[in-house]
Amino acid sequence: MGSIIMPGFSFASNLSEDAGERSGFALSEVDILNHLQDQSPVRKAIEQPNSLHRIRADAYAEAVANLLYFLGATEEPSMPTLGSRFARSLGHEWKNIVNIEELLTIEAVAHHVLRKRQETGDLDRALLVNELKDIVGSRWRKIHEQLLESMSMELAFSPWYSRSVNTNNLIELANLFKSEALPVDSNTFVDQRFINYLSKHLDLLGSINWRQFEGLTAEWLSRQNYRIELGKGRNDGGIDVRAWRTDAPPHSPPAILVQCKREQRKIGKVIVKALWADVFHEQAKSGLIVTTNDISPGAEKVVNARTYPITTANRKQVGDWIMAMRKPAAGIIL
């Protein structure tokens, strides 16, 4: 594979498109530099925007892969070849299914079919099957689906294939930390792309916007089969989320009243007692404090001594929620 020659600012622009559109983020140059590895030659080029740079094509692809990984869009920080994806999809014993020469030929055929798809908009499945039959004979049935899956992932993440993306659907990464705006879909409480991002940056949990933290909590409970009422955010009386089991009768008391505390200090007695008063007043079954820190020993002692039906989801547990909810980007449907 050859090299790419262009000024540093062009590398920044291309990365914004190639990694941004594949992750769903509208990436600024600052976003790129904050997430690109220090040793990346592409990073060095971006840091000298007006100079001309020669970057190996595979190094550029690695920079895209690196960004996608740290944005939470992919599972690995590198850009495997289509042949590597395919061999891996066949399992550890792939050499018992195809030999090296066949693998390389299949990879070349797959790229040829994908390039034709770029030109026509349609995948020529008949061509692919006929080529596979010529290469491996009747074994084509054993590898066909795995090859299509590998081609799908190649099309989705490789910068050498363009993809159609509605740029109006891109979101700014900064919104996770600065914006109170949550998804307009009544069944979604925080953008999945933010969850994916946080799965790679759990250390930033305490820095996200307080409203995004409330949305994150509501999203977790919703996925645990609760019907959710998310508070207004401001002037909500101290209750951030109310949750009912989906089979709860209409107008029944909430199963859980939730207070979200995105704070550096530990949860104290005052917060515990206030939540208990709300639980008692609304006849809820329990209370839940979700925090980016933890409950203080004094507050925990009050809960235990008075047998309050209150539990705490601390920073580690919220991190576990995020990891359970992450959904890395999928391949392109072929």
C-alpha atoms as a PDB file:
ATOM      1  CA  MET A   1       0.000   0.000   0.000  1.00  0.00           C
ATOM      2  CA  GLY A   2       1.290   3.467  -0.887  1.00  0.00           C
ATOM      3  CA  SER A   3       1.476   6.803   0.880  1.00  0.00           C
ATOM      4  CA  ILE A   4      -0.712   9.855   1.318  1.00  0.00           C
ATOM      5  CA  ILE A   5       0.832  13.285   0.747  1.00  0.00           C
ATOM      6  CA  MET A   6      -1.007  16.394   1.920  1.00  0.00           C
ATOM      7  CA  PRO A   7      -0.797  19.241   4.467  1.00  0.00           C
ATOM      8  CA  GLY A   8      -1.415  18.605   8.132  1.00  0.00           C
ATOM      9  CA  PHE A   9      -4.741  20.445   8.179  1.00  0.00           C
ATOM     10  CA  SER A  10      -6.032  18.102   5.469  1.00  0.00           C
ATOM     11  CA  PHE A  11      -5.220  15.076   7.611  1.00  0.00           C
ATOM     12  CA  ALA A  12      -7.285  16.639  10.405  1.00  0.00           C
ATOM     13  CA  SER A  13     -10.190  17.231   8.033  1.00  0.00           C
ATOM     14  CA  ASN A  14     -10.050  13.704   6.625  1.00  0.00           C
ATOM     15  CA  LEU A  15      -9.850  12.122  10.053  1.00  0.00           C
ATOM     16  CA  SER A  16     -12.840  14.160  11.169  1.00  0.00           C
ATOM     17  CA  GLU A  17     -14.823  12.573   8.341  1.00  0.00           C
ATOM     18  CA  ASP A  18     -13.391   9.047   8.365  1.00  0.00           C
ATOM     19  CA  ALA A  19     -13.494   8.521  12.136  1.00  0.00           C
ATOM     20  CA  GLY A  20     -16.249  10.987  12.975  1.00  0.00           C
ATOM     21  CA  GLU A  21     -18.851   9.667  10.570  1.00  0.00           C
ATOM     22  CA  ARG A  22     -18.080   6.068  11.510  1.00  0.00           C
ATOM     23  CA  SER A  23     -18.467   6.791  15.226  1.00  0.00           C
ATOM     24  CA  GLY A  24     -21.378   9.216  14.898  1.00  0.00           C
ATOM     25  CA  PHE A  25     -19.472  12.186  16.318  1.00  0.00           C
ATOM     26  CA  ALA A  26     -18.837  15.581  14.760  1.00  0.00           C
ATOM     27  CA  LEU A  27     -15.147  15.685  15.658  1.00  0.00           C
ATOM     28  CA  SER A  28     -13.171  18.874  16.086  1.00  0.00           C
ATOM     29  CA  GLU A  29      -9.406  18.996  15.733  1.00  0.00           C
ATOM     30  CA  VAL A  30      -9.167  19.203  19.520  1.00  0.00           C
ATOM     31  CA  ASP A  31     -11.264  16.028  19.836  1.00  0.00           C
ATOM     32  CA  ILE A  32      -8.929  14.261  17.420  1.00  0.00           C
ATOM     33  CA  LEU A  33      -5.750  15.302  19.197  1.00  0.00           C
ATOM     34  CA  ASN A  34      -7.211  14.421  22.593  1.00  0.00           C
ATOM     35  CA  HIS A  35      -7.817  10.831  21.489  1.00  0.00           C
ATOM     36  CA  LEU A  36      -5.065  10.076  19.000  1.00  0.00           C
ATOM     37  CA  GLN A  37      -2.023   8.238  20.333  1.00  0.00           C
ATOM     38  CA  ASP A  38       1.072  10.365  20.933  1.00  0.00           C
ATOM     39  CA  GLN A  39       3.284   8.264  18.646  1.00  0.00           C
ATOM     40  CA  SER A  40       0.934   8.413  15.676  1.00  0.00           C
ATOM     41  CA  PRO A  41       2.590  10.023  12.619  1.00  0.00           C
ATOM     42  CA  VAL A  42      -0.827  11.431  11.701  1.00  0.00           C
ATOM     43  CA  ARG A  43      -0.927  13.281  15.011  1.00  0.00           C
ATOM     44  CA  LYS A  44       2.472  14.803  14.310  1.00  0.00           C
ATOM     45  CA  ALA A  45       1.227  15.923  10.908  1.00  0.00           C
ATOM     46  CA  ILE A  46      -1.873  17.573  12.384  1.00  0.00           C
ATOM     47  CA  GLU A  47       0.298  19.423  14.886  1.00  0.00           C
ATOM     48  CA  GLN A  48       2.109  21.005  11.907  1.00  0.00           C
ATOM     49  CA  PRO A  49      -0.959  22.041   9.891  1.00  0.00           C
ATOM     50  CA  ASN A  50       0.707  24.098   7.183  1.00  0.00           C
ATOM     51  CA  SER A  51       3.535  21.672   6.370  1.00  0.00           C
ATOM     52  CA  LEU A  52       3.347  18.965   3.720  1.00  0.00           C
ATOM     53  CA  HIS A  53       3.520  15.413   5.094  1.00  0.00           C
ATOM     54  CA  ARG A  54       3.925  11.945   3.629  1.00  0.00           C
ATOM     55  CA  ILE A  55       2.074   9.299   5.676  1.00  0.00           C
ATOM     56  CA  ARG A  56       1.911   5.609   4.834  1.00  0.00           C
ATOM     57  CA  ALA A  57      -1.627   4.573   3.959  1.00  0.00           C
ATOM     58  CA  ASP A  58      -1.617   1.798   6.550  1.00  0.00           C
ATOM     59  CA  ALA A  59      -0.502   4.292   9.221  1.00  0.00           C
ATOM     60  CA  TYR A  60      -3.440   6.513   8.331  1.00  0.00           C
ATOM     61  CA  ALA A  61      -5.806   3.540   8.558  1.00  0.00           C
ATOM     62  CA  GLU A  62      -4.352   2.746  11.981  1.00  0.00           C
ATOM     63  CA  ALA A  63      -5.054   6.330  13.091  1.00  0.00           C
ATOM     64  CA  VAL A  64      -8.690   5.946  12.046  1.00  0.00           C
ATOM     65  CA  ALA A  65      -8.916   2.637  13.923  1.00  0.00           C
ATOM     66  CA  ASN A  66      -7.264   4.173  16.959  1.00  0.00           C
ATOM     67  CA  LEU A  67      -9.793   6.999  17.067  1.00  0.00           C
ATOM     68  CA  LEU A  68     -12.755   4.667  16.556  1.00  0.00           C
ATOM     69  CA  TYR A  69     -11.575   2.533  19.454  1.00  0.00           C
ATOM     70  CA  PHE A  70     -11.147   5.416  21.884  1.00  0.00           C
ATOM     71  CA  LEU A  71     -14.496   6.856  20.803  1.00  0.00           C
ATOM     72  CA  GLY A  72     -16.076   3.548  21.808  1.00  0.00           C
ATOM     73  CA  ALA A  73     -17.159   2.577  18.296  1.00  0.00           C
ATOM     74  CA  THR A  74     -15.010  -0.547  17.895  1.00  0.00           C
ATOM     75  CA  GLU A  75     -13.597  -3.353  19.995  1.00  0.00           C
ATOM     76  CA  GLU A  76      -9.949  -3.055  19.002  1.00  0.00           C
ATOM     77  CA  PRO A  77      -7.497  -0.169  18.517  1.00  0.00           C
ATOM     78  CA  SER A  78      -6.133  -1.408  15.190  1.00  0.00           C
ATOM     79  CA  MET A  79      -7.358  -1.801  11.614  1.00  0.00           C
ATOM     80  CA  PRO A  80      -7.131  -5.484  10.650  1.00  0.00           C
ATOM     81  CA  THR A  81      -7.017  -6.418   6.995  1.00  0.00           C
ATOM     82  CA  LEU A  82     -10.122  -7.951   5.458  1.00  0.00           C
ATOM     83  CA  GLY A  83      -8.233 -11.257   5.277  1.00  0.00           C
ATOM     84  CA  SER A  84      -7.444 -11.070   8.997  1.00  0.00           C
ATOM     85  CA  ARG A  85     -11.085 -10.344   9.825  1.00  0.00           C
ATOM     86  CA  PHE A  86     -12.148 -13.291   7.698  1.00  0.00           C
ATOM     87  CA  ALA A  87      -9.633 -15.745   9.192  1.00  0.00           C
ATOM     88  CA  ARG A  88     -10.626 -14.690  12.687  1.00  0.00           C
ATOM     89  CA  SER A  89     -14.308 -15.200  11.895  1.00  0.00           C
ATOM     90  CA  LEU A  90     -13.542 -18.794  10.887  1.00  0.00           C
ATOM     91  CA  GLY A  91     -12.052 -19.508  14.313  1.00  0.00           C
ATOM     92  CA  HIS A  92      -8.701 -20.784  15.562  1.00  0.00           C
ATOM     93  CA  GLU A  93      -8.764 -23.738  13.184  1.00  0.00           C
ATOM     94  CA  TRP A  94      -9.211 -21.604  10.064  1.00  0.00           C
ATOM     95  CA  LYS A  95      -6.200 -23.236   8.392  1.00  0.00           C
ATOM     96  CA  ASN A  96      -8.160 -26.484   8.341  1.00  0.00           C
ATOM     97  CA  ILE A  97     -10.797 -24.742   6.208  1.00  0.00           C
ATOM     98  CA  VAL A  98      -8.701 -22.648   3.800  1.00  0.00           C
ATOM     99  CA  ASN A  99      -4.986 -22.452   3.118  1.00  0.00           C
ATOM    100  CA  ILE A 100      -2.945 -19.249   2.967  1.00  0.00           C
ATOM    101  CA  GLU A 101      -3.048 -19.001  -0.816  1.00  0.00           C
ATOM    102  CA  GLU A 102      -6.823 -19.453  -0.829  1.00  0.00           C
ATOM    103  CA  LEU A 103      -7.218 -16.890   1.941  1.00  0.00           C
ATOM    104  CA  LEU A 104      -5.269 -14.248   0.031  1.00  0.00           C
ATOM    105  CA  THR A 105      -7.209 -14.958  -3.166  1.00  0.00           C
ATOM    106  CA  ILE A 106     -10.528 -14.731  -1.302  1.00  0.00           C
ATOM    107  CA  GLU A 107      -9.434 -11.418   0.212  1.00  0.00           C
ATOM    108  CA  ALA A 108      -8.642 -10.020  -3.237  1.00  0.00           C
ATOM    109  CA  VAL A 109     -12.002 -11.184  -4.580  1.00  0.00           C
ATOM    110  CA  ALA A 110     -13.841  -9.656  -1.609  1.00  0.00           C
ATOM    111  CA  HIS A 111     -12.175  -6.294  -2.207  1.00  0.00           C
ATOM    112  CA  HIS A 112     -13.070  -6.493  -5.902  1.00  0.00           C
ATOM    113  CA  VAL A 113     -16.735  -7.146  -5.063  1.00  0.00           C
ATOM    114  CA  LEU A 114     -16.772  -4.307  -2.514  1.00  0.00           C
ATOM    115  CA  ARG A 115     -15.264  -1.872  -5.009  1.00  0.00           C
ATOM    116  CA  LYS A 116     -17.967  -2.830  -7.509  1.00  0.00           C
ATOM    117  CA  ARG A 117     -20.551  -2.193  -4.801  1.00  0.00           C
ATOM    118  CA  GLN A 118     -19.066   1.287  -4.327  1.00  0.00           C
ATOM    119  CA  GLU A 119     -19.598   1.956  -8.019  1.00  0.00           C
ATOM    120  CA  THR A 120     -23.064   0.426  -8.465  1.00  0.00           C
ATOM    121  CA  GLY A 121     -24.593   0.592  -4.996  1.00  0.00           C
ATOM    122  CA  ASP A 122     -25.403  -3.134  -5.036  1.00  0.00           C
ATOM    123  CA  LEU A 123     -23.450  -6.158  -3.840  1.00  0.00           C
ATOM    124  CA  ASP A 124     -23.009  -8.729  -6.621  1.00  0.00           C
ATOM    125  CA  ARG A 125     -23.689 -11.850  -4.556  1.00  0.00           C
ATOM    126  CA  ALA A 126     -23.735 -14.126  -7.594  1.00  0.00           C
ATOM    127  CA  LEU A 127     -20.246 -12.967  -8.568  1.00  0.00           C
ATOM    128  CA  LEU A 128     -18.986 -13.537  -5.039  1.00  0.00           C
ATOM    129  CA  VAL A 129     -20.424 -17.052  -4.837  1.00  0.00           C
ATOM    130  CA  ASN A 130     -19.083 -18.035  -8.271  1.00  0.00           C
ATOM    131  CA  GLU A 131     -15.611 -16.773  -7.368  1.00  0.00           C
ATOM    132  CA  LEU A 132     -15.691 -18.684  -4.072  1.00  0.00           C
ATOM    133  CA  LYS A 133     -16.700 -21.860  -5.884  1.00  0.00           C
ATOM    134  CA  ASP A 134     -13.734 -21.433  -8.239  1.00  0.00           C
ATOM    135  CA  ILE A 135     -11.359 -20.982  -5.290  1.00  0.00           C
ATOM    136  CA  VAL A 136     -12.536 -23.539  -2.718  1.00  0.00           C
ATOM    137  CA  GLY A 137     -15.169 -25.641  -4.502  1.00  0.00           C
ATOM    138  CA  SER A 138     -17.936 -27.049  -2.323  1.00  0.00           C
ATOM    139  CA  ARG A 139     -16.347 -25.551   0.784  1.00  0.00           C
ATOM    140  CA  TRP A 140     -17.787 -22.182  -0.191  1.00  0.00           C
ATOM    141  CA  ARG A 141     -20.899 -22.936   1.860  1.00  0.00           C
ATOM    142  CA  LYS A 142     -18.774 -23.189   5.022  1.00  0.00           C
ATOM    143  CA  ILE A 143     -17.229 -19.765   4.592  1.00  0.00           C
ATOM    144  CA  HIS A 144     -19.797 -17.664   2.725  1.00  0.00           C
ATOM    145  CA  GLU A 145     -21.569 -16.111   5.717  1.00  0.00           C
ATOM    146  CA  GLN A 146     -18.315 -15.415   7.568  1.00  0.00           C
ATOM    147  CA  LEU A 147     -16.888 -13.701   4.503  1.00  0.00           C
ATOM    148  CA  LEU A 148     -19.972 -11.505   4.148  1.00  0.00           C
ATOM    149  CA  GLU A 149     -19.672 -10.541   7.822  1.00  0.00           C
ATOM    150  CA  SER A 150     -15.997  -9.656   7.353  1.00  0.00           C
ATOM    151  CA  MET A 151     -16.801  -7.611   4.252  1.00  0.00           C
ATOM    152  CA  SER A 152     -19.532  -5.824   6.190  1.00  0.00           C
ATOM    153  CA  MET A 153     -17.076  -4.806   8.902  1.00  0.00           C
ATOM    154  CA  GLU A 154     -14.486  -3.755   6.317  1.00  0.00           C
ATOM    155  CA  LEU A 155     -17.032  -1.560   4.598  1.00  0.00           C
ATOM    156  CA  ALA A 156     -18.095  -0.041   7.914  1.00  0.00           C
ATOM    157  CA  PHE A 157     -14.693   0.850   9.332  1.00  0.00           C
ATOM    158  CA  SER A 158     -12.024   0.949   6.635  1.00  0.00           C
ATOM    159  CA  PRO A 159     -11.302   4.518   5.438  1.00  0.00           C
ATOM    160  CA  TRP A 160     -10.738   3.154   1.926  1.00  0.00           C
ATOM    161  CA  TYR A 161     -14.460   2.646   1.447  1.00  0.00           C
ATOM    162  CA  SER A 162     -16.860   5.567   1.526  1.00  0.00           C
ATOM    163  CA  ARG A 163     -20.168   5.251   3.326  1.00  0.00           C
ATOM    164  CA  SER A 164     -23.405   7.185   3.215  1.00  0.00           C
ATOM    165  CA  VAL A 165     -23.947   9.047   6.482  1.00  0.00           C
ATOM    166  CA  ASN A 166     -26.566  11.620   7.368  1.00  0.00           C
ATOM    167  CA  THR A 167     -24.332  14.326   8.814  1.00  0.00           C
ATOM    168  CA  ASN A 168     -27.381  15.882  10.480  1.00  0.00           C
ATOM    169  CA  ASN A 169     -27.355  12.945  12.875  1.00  0.00           C
ATOM    170  CA  LEU A 170     -23.801  13.559  14.059  1.00  0.00           C
ATOM    171  CA  ILE A 171     -23.431  14.824  17.622  1.00  0.00           C
ATOM    172  CA  GLU A 172     -20.673  16.825  19.251  1.00  0.00           C
ATOM    173  CA  LEU A 173     -18.642  14.935  21.802  1.00  0.00           C
ATOM    174  CA  ALA A 174     -18.528  18.080  23.939  1.00  0.00           C
ATOM    175  CA  ASN A 175     -22.294  17.788  24.492  1.00  0.00           C
ATOM    176  CA  LEU A 176     -21.709  14.875  26.848  1.00  0.00           C
ATOM    177  CA  PHE A 177     -19.968  17.296  29.203  1.00  0.00           C
ATOM    178  CA  LYS A 178     -21.692  20.610  28.475  1.00  0.00           C
ATOM    179  CA  SER A 179     -25.228  20.002  27.247  1.00  0.00           C
ATOM    180  CA  GLU A 180     -28.396  19.283  29.225  1.00  0.00           C
ATOM    181  CA  ALA A 181     -30.186  18.151  26.058  1.00  0.00           C
ATOM    182  CA  LEU A 182     -31.303  14.515  26.035  1.00  0.00           C
ATOM    183  CA  PRO A 183     -32.681  12.473  23.101  1.00  0.00           C
ATOM    184  CA  VAL A 184     -36.139  13.512  21.942  1.00  0.00           C
ATOM    185  CA  ASP A 185     -37.192   9.858  21.644  1.00  0.00           C
ATOM    186  CA  SER A 186     -39.370   9.187  24.694  1.00  0.00           C
ATOM    187  CA  ASN A 187     -37.995   5.646  24.956  1.00  0.00           C
ATOM    188  CA  THR A 188     -34.352   6.719  25.009  1.00  0.00           C
ATOM    189  CA  PHE A 189     -32.820   8.755  27.810  1.00  0.00           C
ATOM    190  CA  VAL A 190     -29.184   9.116  26.775  1.00  0.00           C
ATOM    191  CA  ASP A 191     -27.488   8.806  23.402  1.00  0.00           C
ATOM    192  CA  GLN A 192     -25.958   5.370  22.811  1.00  0.00           C
ATOM    193  CA  ARG A 193     -22.830   6.996  21.381  1.00  0.00           C
ATOM    194  CA  PHE A 194     -22.190   8.647  24.743  1.00  0.00           C
ATOM    195  CA  ILE A 195     -22.524   5.287  26.490  1.00  0.00           C
ATOM    196  CA  ASN A 196     -20.041   3.746  24.053  1.00  0.00           C
ATOM    197  CA  TYR A 197     -17.638   6.626  24.602  1.00  0.00           C
ATOM    198  CA  LEU A 198     -17.822   6.404  28.384  1.00  0.00           C
ATOM    199  CA  SER A 199     -17.104   2.678  28.224  1.00  0.00           C
ATOM    200  CA  LYS A 200     -13.584   3.649  27.138  1.00  0.00           C
ATOM    201  CA  HIS A 201     -13.319   6.587  29.542  1.00  0.00           C
ATOM    202  CA  LEU A 202     -14.889   5.596  32.855  1.00  0.00           C
ATOM    203  CA  ASP A 203     -12.512   8.025  34.549  1.00  0.00           C
ATOM    204  CA  LEU A 204     -14.517  10.884  32.988  1.00  0.00           C
ATOM    205  CA  LEU A 205     -17.810   9.800  34.548  1.00  0.00           C
ATOM    206  CA  GLY A 206     -17.650  12.521  37.188  1.00  0.00           C
ATOM    207  CA  SER A 207     -17.142  15.191  34.532  1.00  0.00           C
ATOM    208  CA  ILE A 208     -20.228  14.580  32.377  1.00  0.00           C
ATOM    209  CA  ASN A 209     -23.113  17.002  32.489  1.00  0.00           C
ATOM    210  CA  TRP A 210     -25.468  16.420  35.434  1.00  0.00           C
ATOM    211  CA  ARG A 211     -28.458  15.984  33.107  1.00  0.00           C
ATOM    212  CA  GLN A 212     -26.627  13.384  31.017  1.00  0.00           C
ATOM    213  CA  PHE A 213     -25.932  11.547  34.284  1.00  0.00           C
ATOM    214  CA  GLU A 214     -29.643  11.525  35.077  1.00  0.00           C
ATOM    215  CA  GLY A 215     -30.362  10.289  31.556  1.00  0.00           C
ATOM    216  CA  LEU A 216     -27.767   7.544  31.954  1.00  0.00           C
ATOM    217  CA  THR A 217     -29.463   6.365  35.152  1.00  0.00           C
ATOM    218  CA  ALA A 218     -32.909   6.428  33.554  1.00  0.00           C
ATOM    219  CA  GLU A 219     -31.582   4.496  30.550  1.00  0.00           C
ATOM    220  CA  TRP A 220     -30.174   1.734  32.771  1.00  0.00           C
ATOM    221  CA  LEU A 221     -33.423   1.321  34.677  1.00  0.00           C
ATOM    222  CA  SER A 222     -35.402   1.353  31.430  1.00  0.00           C
ATOM    223  CA  ARG A 223     -33.287  -1.528  30.134  1.00  0.00           C
ATOM    224  CA  GLN A 224     -34.014  -3.406  33.367  1.00  0.00           C
ATOM    225  CA  ASN A 225     -37.708  -3.464  32.390  1.00  0.00           C
ATOM    226  CA  TYR A 226     -38.855  -0.430  34.350  1.00  0.00           C
ATOM    227  CA  ARG A 227     -41.261   2.191  33.077  1.00  0.00           C
ATOM    228  CA  ILE A 228     -39.519   5.504  33.576  1.00  0.00           C
ATOM    229  CA  GLU A 229     -40.565   9.005  34.444  1.00  0.00           C
ATOM    230  CA  LEU A 230     -37.568  11.295  34.150  1.00  0.00           C
ATOM    231  CA  GLY A 231     -37.828  14.494  36.152  1.00  0.00           C
ATOM    232  CA  LYS A 232     -37.685  17.950  34.598  1.00  0.00           C
ATOM    233  CA  GLY A 233     -34.077  18.308  35.666  1.00  0.00           C
ATOM    234  CA  ARG A 234     -34.568  21.612  37.431  1.00  0.00           C
ATOM    235  CA  ASN A 235     -37.115  22.266  40.162  1.00  0.00           C
ATOM    236  CA  ASP A 236     -38.063  18.585  40.227  1.00  0.00           C
ATOM    237  CA  GLY A 237     -38.458  18.405  44.003  1.00  0.00           C
ATOM    238  CA  GLY A 238     -35.321  16.353  44.468  1.00  0.00           C
ATOM    239  CA  ILE A 239     -36.558  13.211  42.682  1.00  0.00           C
ATOM    240  CA  ASP A 240     -34.696  12.748  39.435  1.00  0.00           C
ATOM    241  CA  VAL A 241     -36.223   9.470  38.256  1.00  0.00           C
ATOM    242  CA  ARG A 242     -39.350   7.512  39.152  1.00  0.00           C
ATOM    243  CA  ALA A 243     -39.476   3.878  38.074  1.00  0.00           C
ATOM    244  CA  TRP A 244     -42.323   1.373  37.922  1.00  0.00           C
ATOM    245  CA  ARG A 245     -42.276  -2.240  36.859  1.00  0.00           C
ATOM    246  CA  THR A 246     -43.789  -2.510  33.397  1.00  0.00           C
ATOM    247  CA  ASP A 247     -46.653  -4.629  34.746  1.00  0.00           C
ATOM    248  CA  ALA A 248     -47.494  -2.196  37.563  1.00  0.00           C
ATOM    249  CA  PRO A 249     -51.154  -1.050  37.666  1.00  0.00           C
ATOM    250  CA  PRO A 250     -51.876   2.532  36.550  1.00  0.00           C
ATOM    251  CA  HIS A 251     -51.506   5.187  39.247  1.00  0.00           C
ATOM    252  CA  SER A 252     -49.650   2.795  41.563  1.00  0.00           C
ATOM    253  CA  PRO A 253     -46.770   4.142  43.695  1.00  0.00           C
ATOM    254  CA  PRO A 254     -43.310   3.962  42.113  1.00  0.00           C
ATOM    255  CA  ALA A 255     -41.174   0.907  42.698  1.00  0.00           C
ATOM    256  CA  ILE A 256     -38.091   3.140  42.974  1.00  0.00           C
ATOM    257  CA  LEU A 257     -37.462   6.817  43.632  1.00  0.00           C
ATOM    258  CA  VAL A 258     -34.028   7.873  42.400  1.00  0.00           C
ATOM    259  CA  GLN A 259     -31.711  10.713  43.312  1.00  0.00           C
ATOM    260  CA  CYS A 260     -28.681  11.220  41.046  1.00  0.00           C
ATOM    261  CA  LYS A 261     -25.641  12.817  42.635  1.00  0.00           C
ATOM    262  CA  ARG A 262     -22.763  13.643  40.306  1.00  0.00           C
ATOM    263  CA  GLU A 263     -20.507  14.854  43.089  1.00  0.00           C
ATOM    264  CA  GLN A 264     -16.919  14.536  44.256  1.00  0.00           C
ATOM    265  CA  ARG A 265     -17.944  14.219  47.898  1.00  0.00           C
ATOM    266  CA  LYS A 266     -19.547  11.150  49.417  1.00  0.00           C
ATOM    267  CA  ILE A 267     -23.272  10.929  50.030  1.00  0.00           C
ATOM    268  CA  GLY A 268     -24.101  12.212  53.519  1.00  0.00           C
ATOM    269  CA  LYS A 269     -26.877  11.638  56.031  1.00  0.00           C
ATOM    270  CA  VAL A 270     -28.956  14.619  54.893  1.00  0.00           C
ATOM    271  CA  ILE A 271     -29.399  13.192  51.379  1.00  0.00           C
ATOM    272  CA  VAL A 272     -30.322   9.765  52.739  1.00  0.00           C
ATOM    273  CA  LYS A 273     -32.898  11.167  55.144  1.00  0.00           C
ATOM    274  CA  ALA A 274     -34.408  13.419  52.472  1.00  0.00           C
ATOM    275  CA  LEU A 275     -34.812  10.508  50.081  1.00  0.00           C
ATOM    276  CA  TRP A 276     -36.403   8.388  52.807  1.00  0.00           C
ATOM    277  CA  ALA A 277     -38.925  11.168  53.433  1.00  0.00           C
ATOM    278  CA  ASP A 278     -39.821  11.170  49.715  1.00  0.00           C
ATOM    279  CA  VAL A 279     -40.117   7.375  49.639  1.00  0.00           C
ATOM    280  CA  PHE A 280     -42.437   7.490  52.642  1.00  0.00           C
ATOM    281  CA  HIS A 281     -44.494  10.367  51.223  1.00  0.00           C
ATOM    282  CA  GLU A 282     -45.033   8.723  47.817  1.00  0.00           C
ATOM    283  CA  GLN A 283     -45.400   5.233  49.325  1.00  0.00           C
ATOM    284  CA  ALA A 284     -42.693   3.982  46.991  1.00  0.00           C
ATOM    285  CA  LYS A 285     -41.192   0.569  47.576  1.00  0.00           C
ATOM    286  CA  SER A 286     -37.594   1.771  47.712  1.00  0.00           C
ATOM    287  CA  GLY A 287     -35.132   4.554  47.084  1.00  0.00           C
ATOM    288  CA  LEU A 288     -31.944   4.540  45.047  1.00  0.00           C
ATOM    289  CA  ILE A 289     -29.056   6.986  45.213  1.00  0.00           C
ATOM    290  CA  VAL A 290     -26.867   6.952  42.112  1.00  0.00           C
ATOM    291  CA  THR A 291     -23.541   8.675  42.603  1.00  0.00           C
ATOM    292  CA  THR A 292     -20.194   9.220  40.936  1.00  0.00           C
ATOM    293  CA  ASN A 293     -18.645   8.726  44.375  1.00  0.00           C
ATOM    294  CA  ASP A 294     -20.013   6.497  47.166  1.00  0.00           C
ATOM    295  CA  ILE A 295     -22.105   6.625  50.315  1.00  0.00           C
ATOM    296  CA  SER A 296     -20.350   7.893  53.439  1.00  0.00           C
ATOM    297  CA  PRO A 297     -19.912   5.533  56.419  1.00  0.00           C
ATOM    298  CA  GLY A 298     -22.191   7.778  58.524  1.00  0.00           C
ATOM    299  CA  ALA A 299     -24.983   7.737  55.943  1.00  0.00           C
ATOM    300  CA  GLU A 300     -24.659   3.977  55.493  1.00  0.00           C
ATOM    301  CA  LYS A 301     -24.937   3.533  59.245  1.00  0.00           C
ATOM    302  CA  VAL A 302     -28.189   5.534  59.260  1.00  0.00           C
ATOM    303  CA  VAL A 303     -29.638   3.393  56.464  1.00  0.00           C
ATOM    304  CA  ASN A 304     -28.782   0.171  58.289  1.00  0.00           C
ATOM    305  CA  ALA A 305     -29.822   1.344  61.776  1.00  0.00           C
ATOM    306  CA  ARG A 306     -33.206   2.632  60.622  1.00  0.00           C
ATOM    307  CA  THR A 307     -33.705  -0.123  58.002  1.00  0.00           C
ATOM    308  CA  TYR A 308     -34.408   2.423  55.295  1.00  0.00           C
ATOM    309  CA  PRO A 309     -35.284   0.707  51.978  1.00  0.00           C
ATOM    310  CA  ILE A 310     -32.542   2.687  50.279  1.00  0.00           C
ATOM    311  CA  THR A 311     -29.631   1.391  48.245  1.00  0.00           C
ATOM    312  CA  THR A 312     -26.695   3.130  46.588  1.00  0.00           C
ATOM    313  CA  ALA A 313     -25.205   2.644  43.142  1.00  0.00           C
ATOM    314  CA  ASN A 314     -21.657   3.941  43.515  1.00  0.00           C
ATOM    315  CA  ARG A 315     -19.119   4.897  40.877  1.00  0.00           C
ATOM    316  CA  LYS A 316     -18.021   1.314  40.267  1.00  0.00           C
ATOM    317  CA  GLN A 317     -21.589   0.067  39.849  1.00  0.00           C
ATOM    318  CA  VAL A 318     -22.432   2.866  37.416  1.00  0.00           C
ATOM    319  CA  GLY A 319     -19.310   1.874  35.485  1.00  0.00           C
ATOM    320  CA  ASP A 320     -20.635  -1.687  35.361  1.00  0.00           C
ATOM    321  CA  TRP A 321     -23.943  -0.349  33.991  1.00  0.00           C
ATOM    322  CA  ILE A 322     -22.084   1.454  31.218  1.00  0.00           C
ATOM    323  CA  MET A 323     -20.094  -1.623  30.240  1.00  0.00           C
ATOM    324  CA  ALA A 324     -23.280  -3.694  30.157  1.00  0.00           C
ATOM    325  CA  MET A 325     -25.075  -1.127  27.965  1.00  0.00           C
ATOM    326  CA  ARG A 326     -22.323  -0.466  25.431  1.00  0.00           C
ATOM    327  CA  LYS A 327     -23.100  -1.420  21.858  1.00  0.00           C
ATOM    328  CA  PRO A 328     -20.129  -0.968  19.511  1.00  0.00           C
ATOM    329  CA  ALA A 329     -21.021   0.070  15.994  1.00  0.00           C
ATOM    330  CA  ALA A 330     -22.132  -2.753  13.707  1.00  0.00           C
ATOM    331  CA  GLY A 331     -21.098  -3.512  10.164  1.00  0.00           C
ATOM    332  CA  ILE A 332     -22.875  -2.300   7.020  1.00  0.00           C
ATOM    333  CA  ILE A 333     -25.824  -4.453   5.972  1.00  0.00           C
ATOM    334  CA  LEU A 334     -24.913  -6.144   2.679  1.00  0.00           C
END
